[in-house]
Amino acid sequence: MPETIRRQSSPNHGTRRSGPIDILLLHYTAMDDAEKACQWLCDPHSEVSAHYLVDEAGAVTQMVDEDRRAWHAGAAFWDGERDINSRSIGIEIHNGGPKSATPEFPGAQIDAVIELAKGILSRHLIPPTRVLAHSDVSPGRKIDPGPYFPWGRLAAAGIGLWPDPPDPGGDEGMGPGASGKSVLGLQRRLGAFGYRITPSGTYDDRTQGVVSAFQLHFRPLLVNGRADRSTLDALENLLVQSGKAEAP
């Protein structure tokens, strides 16, 4: 845990409804000012909250106790679980988003996120496969913490997984309109890893959205929703790391 954590309580929380705490979910604020983001997360009219907020300088504010159900995930799904709020700790990381003037995450901020996350992982049995982006649990609806977030740095510190993906190689890969066994295998592997997807054998809008979410987290150099060789290699690497490589 960071040595100093400011406390500003949010009223937006409730009783956890099911399961253990086994997900760490990372967001960005998509706001211009961290203090305004904190005020919003503590405003009863907003009906949103998170357990922690990390500003650009690395200062940490706790808004909800970890044993309480913060309201940060919304409509979401991971590996069979729909009530992500009941199973997760949510960290909001102040950042304006990929289209803002400063989309990168400062080093001091990431250092603080790593320290905070290590403390959370020491208190809860959260496996690396369940250190997730908001975009992972809500593909197509959310993109945070976005393509600039340094997931590789977190994984190097023992937080989550990172496949060290090969650079996109110029192949178009599979995309909308494709169908057949290759698409079916892709859908099954994405589902085995945890994403909500129906194995239909048709590369539909949902498949494109899930592939984009996967790329945002694990292959951010090119986020286009097409399953090229780089994306497929990254997925296979993660399945090996998570012990799911034999998924059909």
C-alpha atoms as a PDB file:
ATOM      1  CA  MET A   1       0.000   0.000   0.000  1.00  0.00           C
ATOM      2  CA  PRO A   2       1.197   3.570  -0.611  1.00  0.00           C
ATOM      3  CA  GLU A   3       2.408   5.135   2.628  1.00  0.00           C
ATOM      4  CA  THR A   4      -0.216   7.900   2.560  1.00  0.00           C
ATOM      5  CA  ILE A   5      -3.751   7.369   1.315  1.00  0.00           C
ATOM      6  CA  ARG A   6      -6.233  10.196   1.528  1.00  0.00           C
ATOM      7  CA  ARG A   7      -9.782   9.229   2.493  1.00  0.00           C
ATOM      8  CA  GLN A   8     -12.839  10.813   0.889  1.00  0.00           C
ATOM      9  CA  SER A   9     -15.867   8.618   1.415  1.00  0.00           C
ATOM     10  CA  SER A  10     -18.375   7.942  -1.345  1.00  0.00           C
ATOM     11  CA  PRO A  11     -21.967   7.031  -0.486  1.00  0.00           C
ATOM     12  CA  ASN A  12     -22.184   4.947  -3.661  1.00  0.00           C
ATOM     13  CA  HIS A  13     -21.629   1.401  -2.445  1.00  0.00           C
ATOM     14  CA  GLY A  14     -23.461  -1.574  -1.011  1.00  0.00           C
ATOM     15  CA  THR A  15     -23.131  -5.101   0.294  1.00  0.00           C
ATOM     16  CA  ARG A  16     -21.205  -7.597  -1.820  1.00  0.00           C
ATOM     17  CA  ARG A  17     -23.715 -10.104  -3.144  1.00  0.00           C
ATOM     18  CA  SER A  18     -21.749 -13.151  -4.249  1.00  0.00           C
ATOM     19  CA  GLY A  19     -18.406 -14.880  -4.395  1.00  0.00           C
ATOM     20  CA  PRO A  20     -14.960 -13.923  -3.126  1.00  0.00           C
ATOM     21  CA  ILE A  21     -13.071 -10.805  -4.163  1.00  0.00           C
ATOM     22  CA  ASP A  22     -11.101 -12.222  -7.075  1.00  0.00           C
ATOM     23  CA  ILE A  23     -10.937  -9.453  -9.718  1.00  0.00           C
ATOM     24  CA  LEU A  24      -8.857  -6.282  -9.865  1.00  0.00           C
ATOM     25  CA  LEU A  25     -10.447  -3.920 -12.379  1.00  0.00           C
ATOM     26  CA  LEU A  26      -8.643  -0.876 -13.761  1.00  0.00           C
ATOM     27  CA  HIS A  27     -10.307   2.206 -15.262  1.00  0.00           C
ATOM     28  CA  TYR A  28      -9.418   5.703 -16.370  1.00  0.00           C
ATOM     29  CA  THR A  29     -11.436   8.747 -15.335  1.00  0.00           C
ATOM     30  CA  ALA A  30     -11.798  10.356 -18.808  1.00  0.00           C
ATOM     31  CA  MET A  31     -11.955  13.728 -17.055  1.00  0.00           C
ATOM     32  CA  ASP A  32      -9.735  16.820 -17.152  1.00  0.00           C
ATOM     33  CA  ASP A  33      -9.217  17.120 -13.406  1.00  0.00           C
ATOM     34  CA  ALA A  34      -8.599  14.411 -10.798  1.00  0.00           C
ATOM     35  CA  GLU A  35     -10.298  16.336  -8.029  1.00  0.00           C
ATOM     36  CA  LYS A  36     -13.420  16.763 -10.121  1.00  0.00           C
ATOM     37  CA  ALA A  37     -13.314  13.035 -10.853  1.00  0.00           C
ATOM     38  CA  CYS A  38     -13.137  12.332  -7.126  1.00  0.00           C
ATOM     39  CA  GLN A  39     -16.076  14.648  -6.487  1.00  0.00           C
ATOM     40  CA  TRP A  40     -18.094  12.867  -9.169  1.00  0.00           C
ATOM     41  CA  LEU A  41     -17.296   9.450  -7.720  1.00  0.00           C
ATOM     42  CA  CYS A  42     -18.437  10.720  -4.309  1.00  0.00           C
ATOM     43  CA  ASP A  43     -21.592  12.450  -5.546  1.00  0.00           C
ATOM     44  CA  PRO A  44     -24.736  10.491  -4.613  1.00  0.00           C
ATOM     45  CA  HIS A  45     -26.413  11.698  -7.809  1.00  0.00           C
ATOM     46  CA  SER A  46     -23.727  10.109 -10.009  1.00  0.00           C
ATOM     47  CA  GLU A  47     -24.449   6.586  -8.716  1.00  0.00           C
ATOM     48  CA  VAL A  48     -20.875   5.574  -9.560  1.00  0.00           C
ATOM     49  CA  SER A  49     -17.816   5.004  -7.409  1.00  0.00           C
ATOM     50  CA  ALA A  50     -14.576   3.075  -7.120  1.00  0.00           C
ATOM     51  CA  HIS A  51     -12.519   1.858  -4.231  1.00  0.00           C
ATOM     52  CA  TYR A  52      -9.507   3.994  -5.153  1.00  0.00           C
ATOM     53  CA  LEU A  53      -8.494   6.920  -7.347  1.00  0.00           C
ATOM     54  CA  VAL A  54      -4.867   7.534  -8.365  1.00  0.00           C
ATOM     55  CA  ASP A  55      -4.094  11.021  -9.677  1.00  0.00           C
ATOM     56  CA  GLU A  56      -1.403  11.948 -12.197  1.00  0.00           C
ATOM     57  CA  ALA A  57       1.151  12.685  -9.459  1.00  0.00           C
ATOM     58  CA  GLY A  58       0.588   9.301  -7.812  1.00  0.00           C
ATOM     59  CA  ALA A  59      -1.552  10.471  -4.885  1.00  0.00           C
ATOM     60  CA  VAL A  60      -4.110   7.855  -3.854  1.00  0.00           C
ATOM     61  CA  THR A  61      -7.614   8.512  -2.533  1.00  0.00           C
ATOM     62  CA  GLN A  62      -9.741   5.738  -1.066  1.00  0.00           C
ATOM     63  CA  MET A  63     -13.478   6.257  -1.491  1.00  0.00           C
ATOM     64  CA  VAL A  64     -14.969   2.849  -0.619  1.00  0.00           C
ATOM     65  CA  ASP A  65     -13.789   0.178   1.822  1.00  0.00           C
ATOM     66  CA  GLU A  66     -12.553  -2.967   0.100  1.00  0.00           C
ATOM     67  CA  ASP A  67     -15.163  -5.133   1.798  1.00  0.00           C
ATOM     68  CA  ARG A  68     -17.940  -3.085   0.196  1.00  0.00           C
ATOM     69  CA  ARG A  69     -19.378  -3.330  -3.327  1.00  0.00           C
ATOM     70  CA  ALA A  70     -18.371  -0.174  -5.213  1.00  0.00           C
ATOM     71  CA  TRP A  71     -20.300   0.798  -8.351  1.00  0.00           C
ATOM     72  CA  HIS A  72     -17.648   0.933 -11.047  1.00  0.00           C
ATOM     73  CA  ALA A  73     -18.086  -1.925 -13.540  1.00  0.00           C
ATOM     74  CA  GLY A  74     -21.679  -1.455 -14.698  1.00  0.00           C
ATOM     75  CA  ALA A  75     -23.059  -4.024 -17.137  1.00  0.00           C
ATOM     76  CA  ALA A  76     -20.164  -6.472 -17.361  1.00  0.00           C
ATOM     77  CA  PHE A  77     -19.083 -10.103 -17.665  1.00  0.00           C
ATOM     78  CA  TRP A  78     -15.966 -12.185 -17.096  1.00  0.00           C
ATOM     79  CA  ASP A  79     -15.537 -15.953 -17.148  1.00  0.00           C
ATOM     80  CA  GLY A  80     -19.173 -16.723 -16.334  1.00  0.00           C
ATOM     81  CA  GLU A  81     -19.617 -13.947 -13.770  1.00  0.00           C
ATOM     82  CA  ARG A  82     -21.985 -11.025 -14.436  1.00  0.00           C
ATOM     83  CA  ASP A  83     -21.945  -9.206 -11.096  1.00  0.00           C
ATOM     84  CA  ILE A  84     -18.402  -7.943 -11.478  1.00  0.00           C
ATOM     85  CA  ASN A  85     -18.898  -5.277  -8.816  1.00  0.00           C
ATOM     86  CA  SER A  86     -19.445  -7.949  -6.153  1.00  0.00           C
ATOM     87  CA  ARG A  87     -16.233  -9.759  -7.087  1.00  0.00           C
ATOM     88  CA  SER A  88     -13.866  -6.867  -7.718  1.00  0.00           C
ATOM     89  CA  ILE A  89     -11.756  -4.044  -6.404  1.00  0.00           C
ATOM     90  CA  GLY A  90     -11.947  -1.017  -8.706  1.00  0.00           C
ATOM     91  CA  ILE A  91      -9.134   1.494  -9.280  1.00  0.00           C
ATOM     92  CA  GLU A  92      -9.813   4.702 -11.201  1.00  0.00           C
ATOM     93  CA  ILE A  93      -6.632   6.130 -12.743  1.00  0.00           C
ATOM     94  CA  HIS A  94      -6.845   9.797 -13.639  1.00  0.00           C
ATOM     95  CA  ASN A  95      -6.345  10.197 -17.376  1.00  0.00           C
ATOM     96  CA  GLY A  96      -8.202  12.083 -20.067  1.00  0.00           C
ATOM     97  CA  GLY A  97      -8.238   9.192 -22.499  1.00  0.00           C
ATOM     98  CA  PRO A  98      -6.453   8.400 -25.776  1.00  0.00           C
ATOM     99  CA  LYS A  99      -7.812  11.489 -27.564  1.00  0.00           C
ATOM    100  CA  SER A 100      -6.797  13.912 -24.829  1.00  0.00           C
ATOM    101  CA  ALA A 101      -3.788  16.246 -24.986  1.00  0.00           C
ATOM    102  CA  THR A 102      -1.817  14.006 -22.589  1.00  0.00           C
ATOM    103  CA  PRO A 103      -2.918  10.386 -23.102  1.00  0.00           C
ATOM    104  CA  GLU A 104       0.217   8.858 -21.557  1.00  0.00           C
ATOM    105  CA  PHE A 105       0.276   7.771 -17.919  1.00  0.00           C
ATOM    106  CA  PRO A 106       3.098   9.469 -15.928  1.00  0.00           C
ATOM    107  CA  GLY A 107       5.703   7.218 -14.353  1.00  0.00           C
ATOM    108  CA  ALA A 108       4.917   8.376 -10.812  1.00  0.00           C
ATOM    109  CA  GLN A 109       1.271   7.512 -11.356  1.00  0.00           C
ATOM    110  CA  ILE A 110       2.057   4.006 -12.595  1.00  0.00           C
ATOM    111  CA  ASP A 111       4.481   3.485  -9.703  1.00  0.00           C
ATOM    112  CA  ALA A 112       1.628   4.319  -7.330  1.00  0.00           C
ATOM    113  CA  VAL A 113      -0.795   2.010  -9.173  1.00  0.00           C
ATOM    114  CA  ILE A 114       1.722  -0.832  -8.894  1.00  0.00           C
ATOM    115  CA  GLU A 115       2.243  -0.255  -5.177  1.00  0.00           C
ATOM    116  CA  LEU A 116      -1.490  -0.014  -4.550  1.00  0.00           C
ATOM    117  CA  ALA A 117      -2.211  -3.124  -6.631  1.00  0.00           C
ATOM    118  CA  LYS A 118       0.433  -5.141  -4.822  1.00  0.00           C
ATOM    119  CA  GLY A 119      -1.256  -4.326  -1.536  1.00  0.00           C
ATOM    120  CA  ILE A 120      -4.645  -5.371  -2.892  1.00  0.00           C
ATOM    121  CA  LEU A 121      -3.250  -8.632  -4.251  1.00  0.00           C
ATOM    122  CA  SER A 122      -1.660  -9.354  -0.878  1.00  0.00           C
ATOM    123  CA  ARG A 123      -5.077  -9.113   0.799  1.00  0.00           C
ATOM    124  CA  HIS A 124      -7.187 -10.978  -1.757  1.00  0.00           C
ATOM    125  CA  LEU A 125      -6.734 -14.141  -3.829  1.00  0.00           C
ATOM    126  CA  ILE A 126      -6.808 -12.474  -7.244  1.00  0.00           C
ATOM    127  CA  PRO A 127      -5.135 -14.577  -9.954  1.00  0.00           C
ATOM    128  CA  PRO A 128      -3.182 -12.899 -12.777  1.00  0.00           C
ATOM    129  CA  THR A 129      -5.916 -13.848 -15.268  1.00  0.00           C
ATOM    130  CA  ARG A 130      -8.352 -11.641 -13.326  1.00  0.00           C
ATOM    131  CA  VAL A 131      -6.347  -8.405 -13.339  1.00  0.00           C
ATOM    132  CA  LEU A 132      -8.505  -6.763 -15.977  1.00  0.00           C
ATOM    133  CA  ALA A 133      -9.351  -3.640 -17.907  1.00  0.00           C
ATOM    134  CA  HIS A 134     -12.840  -2.184 -17.846  1.00  0.00           C
ATOM    135  CA  SER A 135     -12.802  -2.822 -21.604  1.00  0.00           C
ATOM    136  CA  ASP A 136     -12.251  -6.552 -20.979  1.00  0.00           C
ATOM    137  CA  VAL A 137     -15.473  -6.942 -19.024  1.00  0.00           C
ATOM    138  CA  SER A 138     -17.504  -4.515 -21.176  1.00  0.00           C
ATOM    139  CA  PRO A 139     -16.280  -4.860 -24.796  1.00  0.00           C
ATOM    140  CA  GLY A 140     -17.740  -2.265 -27.124  1.00  0.00           C
ATOM    141  CA  ARG A 141     -19.133  -0.245 -24.216  1.00  0.00           C
ATOM    142  CA  LYS A 142     -15.881   0.762 -22.540  1.00  0.00           C
ATOM    143  CA  ILE A 143     -12.285   1.242 -23.736  1.00  0.00           C
ATOM    144  CA  ASP A 144     -10.542   2.189 -20.491  1.00  0.00           C
ATOM    145  CA  PRO A 145      -7.823   2.283 -19.373  1.00  0.00           C
ATOM    146  CA  GLY A 146      -7.042   2.395 -23.086  1.00  0.00           C
ATOM    147  CA  PRO A 147      -4.144   1.700 -25.449  1.00  0.00           C
ATOM    148  CA  TYR A 148      -1.615   3.891 -23.626  1.00  0.00           C
ATOM    149  CA  PHE A 149      -1.829   2.041 -20.328  1.00  0.00           C
ATOM    150  CA  PRO A 150       1.467   0.170 -19.647  1.00  0.00           C
ATOM    151  CA  TRP A 151       0.191  -3.299 -18.818  1.00  0.00           C
ATOM    152  CA  GLY A 152       3.642  -4.724 -19.464  1.00  0.00           C
ATOM    153  CA  ARG A 153       5.078  -2.700 -16.571  1.00  0.00           C
ATOM    154  CA  LEU A 154       2.436  -4.065 -14.230  1.00  0.00           C
ATOM    155  CA  ALA A 155       3.048  -7.646 -15.334  1.00  0.00           C
ATOM    156  CA  ALA A 156       6.792  -7.205 -14.832  1.00  0.00           C
ATOM    157  CA  ALA A 157       5.957  -6.226 -11.241  1.00  0.00           C
ATOM    158  CA  GLY A 158       3.867  -9.375 -10.780  1.00  0.00           C
ATOM    159  CA  ILE A 159       0.464  -7.816 -11.502  1.00  0.00           C
ATOM    160  CA  GLY A 160      -1.550  -9.515 -14.227  1.00  0.00           C
ATOM    161  CA  LEU A 161      -0.419 -11.178 -17.446  1.00  0.00           C
ATOM    162  CA  TRP A 162       1.420  -9.825 -20.462  1.00  0.00           C
ATOM    163  CA  PRO A 163       2.039 -11.831 -23.657  1.00  0.00           C
ATOM    164  CA  ASP A 164       4.870  -9.657 -25.054  1.00  0.00           C
ATOM    165  CA  PRO A 165       3.019  -9.670 -28.381  1.00  0.00           C
ATOM    166  CA  PRO A 166       4.828  -9.584 -31.709  1.00  0.00           C
ATOM    167  CA  ASP A 167       4.378  -6.375 -33.682  1.00  0.00           C
ATOM    168  CA  PRO A 168       1.565  -6.415 -36.245  1.00  0.00           C
ATOM    169  CA  GLY A 169       3.075  -7.950 -39.363  1.00  0.00           C
ATOM    170  CA  GLY A 170       0.898  -6.551 -42.093  1.00  0.00           C
ATOM    171  CA  ASP A 171      -1.366  -9.580 -42.522  1.00  0.00           C
ATOM    172  CA  GLU A 172      -5.052  -8.720 -42.577  1.00  0.00           C
ATOM    173  CA  GLY A 173      -6.129 -11.729 -40.541  1.00  0.00           C
ATOM    174  CA  MET A 174      -9.768 -12.588 -39.921  1.00  0.00           C
ATOM    175  CA  GLY A 175     -12.435  -9.924 -39.737  1.00  0.00           C
ATOM    176  CA  PRO A 176     -16.110  -9.169 -40.343  1.00  0.00           C
ATOM    177  CA  GLY A 177     -17.610 -11.474 -42.939  1.00  0.00           C
ATOM    178  CA  ALA A 178     -15.266 -14.381 -42.222  1.00  0.00           C
ATOM    179  CA  SER A 179     -16.700 -17.714 -41.148  1.00  0.00           C
ATOM    180  CA  GLY A 180     -15.679 -21.298 -40.575  1.00  0.00           C
ATOM    181  CA  LYS A 181     -13.534 -23.378 -38.251  1.00  0.00           C
ATOM    182  CA  SER A 182     -10.840 -20.730 -37.788  1.00  0.00           C
ATOM    183  CA  VAL A 183     -13.393 -18.199 -36.558  1.00  0.00           C
ATOM    184  CA  LEU A 184     -15.000 -20.819 -34.341  1.00  0.00           C
ATOM    185  CA  GLY A 185     -11.632 -21.671 -32.804  1.00  0.00           C
ATOM    186  CA  LEU A 186     -10.910 -17.989 -32.174  1.00  0.00           C
ATOM    187  CA  GLN A 187     -14.258 -17.496 -30.461  1.00  0.00           C
ATOM    188  CA  ARG A 188     -13.772 -20.572 -28.283  1.00  0.00           C
ATOM    189  CA  ARG A 189     -10.327 -19.442 -27.204  1.00  0.00           C
ATOM    190  CA  LEU A 190     -11.498 -15.948 -26.367  1.00  0.00           C
ATOM    191  CA  GLY A 191     -14.345 -17.481 -24.358  1.00  0.00           C
ATOM    192  CA  ALA A 192     -11.956 -19.866 -22.589  1.00  0.00           C
ATOM    193  CA  PHE A 193      -9.831 -16.913 -21.542  1.00  0.00           C
ATOM    194  CA  GLY A 194     -12.885 -15.191 -20.036  1.00  0.00           C
ATOM    195  CA  TYR A 195     -14.579 -12.929 -22.581  1.00  0.00           C
ATOM    196  CA  ARG A 196     -18.319 -13.130 -23.201  1.00  0.00           C
ATOM    197  CA  ILE A 197     -18.663 -14.451 -26.741  1.00  0.00           C
ATOM    198  CA  THR A 198     -20.840 -17.021 -28.481  1.00  0.00           C
ATOM    199  CA  PRO A 199     -18.932 -19.605 -30.574  1.00  0.00           C
ATOM    200  CA  SER A 200     -20.941 -19.355 -33.796  1.00  0.00           C
ATOM    201  CA  GLY A 201     -18.263 -19.663 -36.463  1.00  0.00           C
ATOM    202  CA  THR A 202     -19.273 -16.278 -37.879  1.00  0.00           C
ATOM    203  CA  TYR A 203     -17.121 -13.168 -37.364  1.00  0.00           C
ATOM    204  CA  ASP A 204     -19.970 -10.944 -36.209  1.00  0.00           C
ATOM    205  CA  ASP A 205     -20.026  -7.512 -34.545  1.00  0.00           C
ATOM    206  CA  ARG A 206     -19.616  -9.045 -31.092  1.00  0.00           C
ATOM    207  CA  THR A 207     -16.522 -10.937 -32.185  1.00  0.00           C
ATOM    208  CA  GLN A 208     -15.026  -7.768 -33.644  1.00  0.00           C
ATOM    209  CA  GLY A 209     -15.749  -5.917 -30.396  1.00  0.00           C
ATOM    210  CA  VAL A 210     -14.201  -8.622 -28.234  1.00  0.00           C
ATOM    211  CA  VAL A 211     -11.085  -8.790 -30.427  1.00  0.00           C
ATOM    212  CA  SER A 212     -10.770  -4.997 -30.141  1.00  0.00           C
ATOM    213  CA  ALA A 213     -11.049  -5.250 -26.348  1.00  0.00           C
ATOM    214  CA  PHE A 214      -8.409  -7.970 -26.328  1.00  0.00           C
ATOM    215  CA  GLN A 215      -6.114  -5.787 -28.435  1.00  0.00           C
ATOM    216  CA  LEU A 216      -6.644  -2.754 -26.189  1.00  0.00           C
ATOM    217  CA  HIS A 217      -5.243  -4.735 -23.279  1.00  0.00           C
ATOM    218  CA  PHE A 218      -2.805  -7.199 -24.806  1.00  0.00           C
ATOM    219  CA  ARG A 219      -1.828  -5.897 -28.286  1.00  0.00           C
ATOM    220  CA  PRO A 220      -2.334  -2.121 -28.167  1.00  0.00           C
ATOM    221  CA  LEU A 221      -0.003  -1.221 -31.057  1.00  0.00           C
ATOM    222  CA  LEU A 222      -2.906  -1.769 -33.462  1.00  0.00           C
ATOM    223  CA  VAL A 223      -6.506  -1.912 -32.280  1.00  0.00           C
ATOM    224  CA  ASN A 224      -8.669  -2.720 -35.284  1.00  0.00           C
ATOM    225  CA  GLY A 225     -10.817  -5.687 -34.285  1.00  0.00           C
ATOM    226  CA  ARG A 226      -9.171  -8.005 -36.803  1.00  0.00           C
ATOM    227  CA  ALA A 227      -7.609 -11.255 -35.637  1.00  0.00           C
ATOM    228  CA  ASP A 228      -4.227 -11.079 -37.349  1.00  0.00           C
ATOM    229  CA  ARG A 229      -1.265 -13.332 -36.559  1.00  0.00           C
ATOM    230  CA  SER A 230       0.075 -10.983 -33.878  1.00  0.00           C
ATOM    231  CA  THR A 231      -3.276 -11.014 -32.078  1.00  0.00           C
ATOM    232  CA  LEU A 232      -3.611 -14.794 -32.360  1.00  0.00           C
ATOM    233  CA  ASP A 233      -0.069 -15.317 -31.074  1.00  0.00           C
ATOM    234  CA  ALA A 234      -0.769 -13.054 -28.096  1.00  0.00           C
ATOM    235  CA  LEU A 235      -3.946 -14.986 -27.298  1.00  0.00           C
ATOM    236  CA  GLU A 236      -2.190 -18.353 -27.485  1.00  0.00           C
ATOM    237  CA  ASN A 237       0.593 -17.058 -25.236  1.00  0.00           C
ATOM    238  CA  LEU A 238      -1.945 -15.970 -22.634  1.00  0.00           C
ATOM    239  CA  LEU A 239      -3.777 -19.289 -22.779  1.00  0.00           C
ATOM    240  CA  VAL A 240      -0.466 -21.034 -22.085  1.00  0.00           C
ATOM    241  CA  GLN A 241       0.286 -18.696 -19.169  1.00  0.00           C
ATOM    242  CA  SER A 242      -3.174 -19.223 -17.706  1.00  0.00           C
ATOM    243  CA  GLY A 243      -3.148 -23.003 -18.137  1.00  0.00           C
ATOM    244  CA  LYS A 244      -5.911 -22.974 -20.747  1.00  0.00           C
ATOM    245  CA  ALA A 245      -3.859 -23.746 -23.839  1.00  0.00           C
ATOM    246  CA  GLU A 246      -5.756 -26.950 -24.561  1.00  0.00           C
ATOM    247  CA  ALA A 247      -9.070 -25.157 -24.863  1.00  0.00           C
ATOM    248  CA  PRO A 248     -10.719 -26.153 -28.133  1.00  0.00           C
END
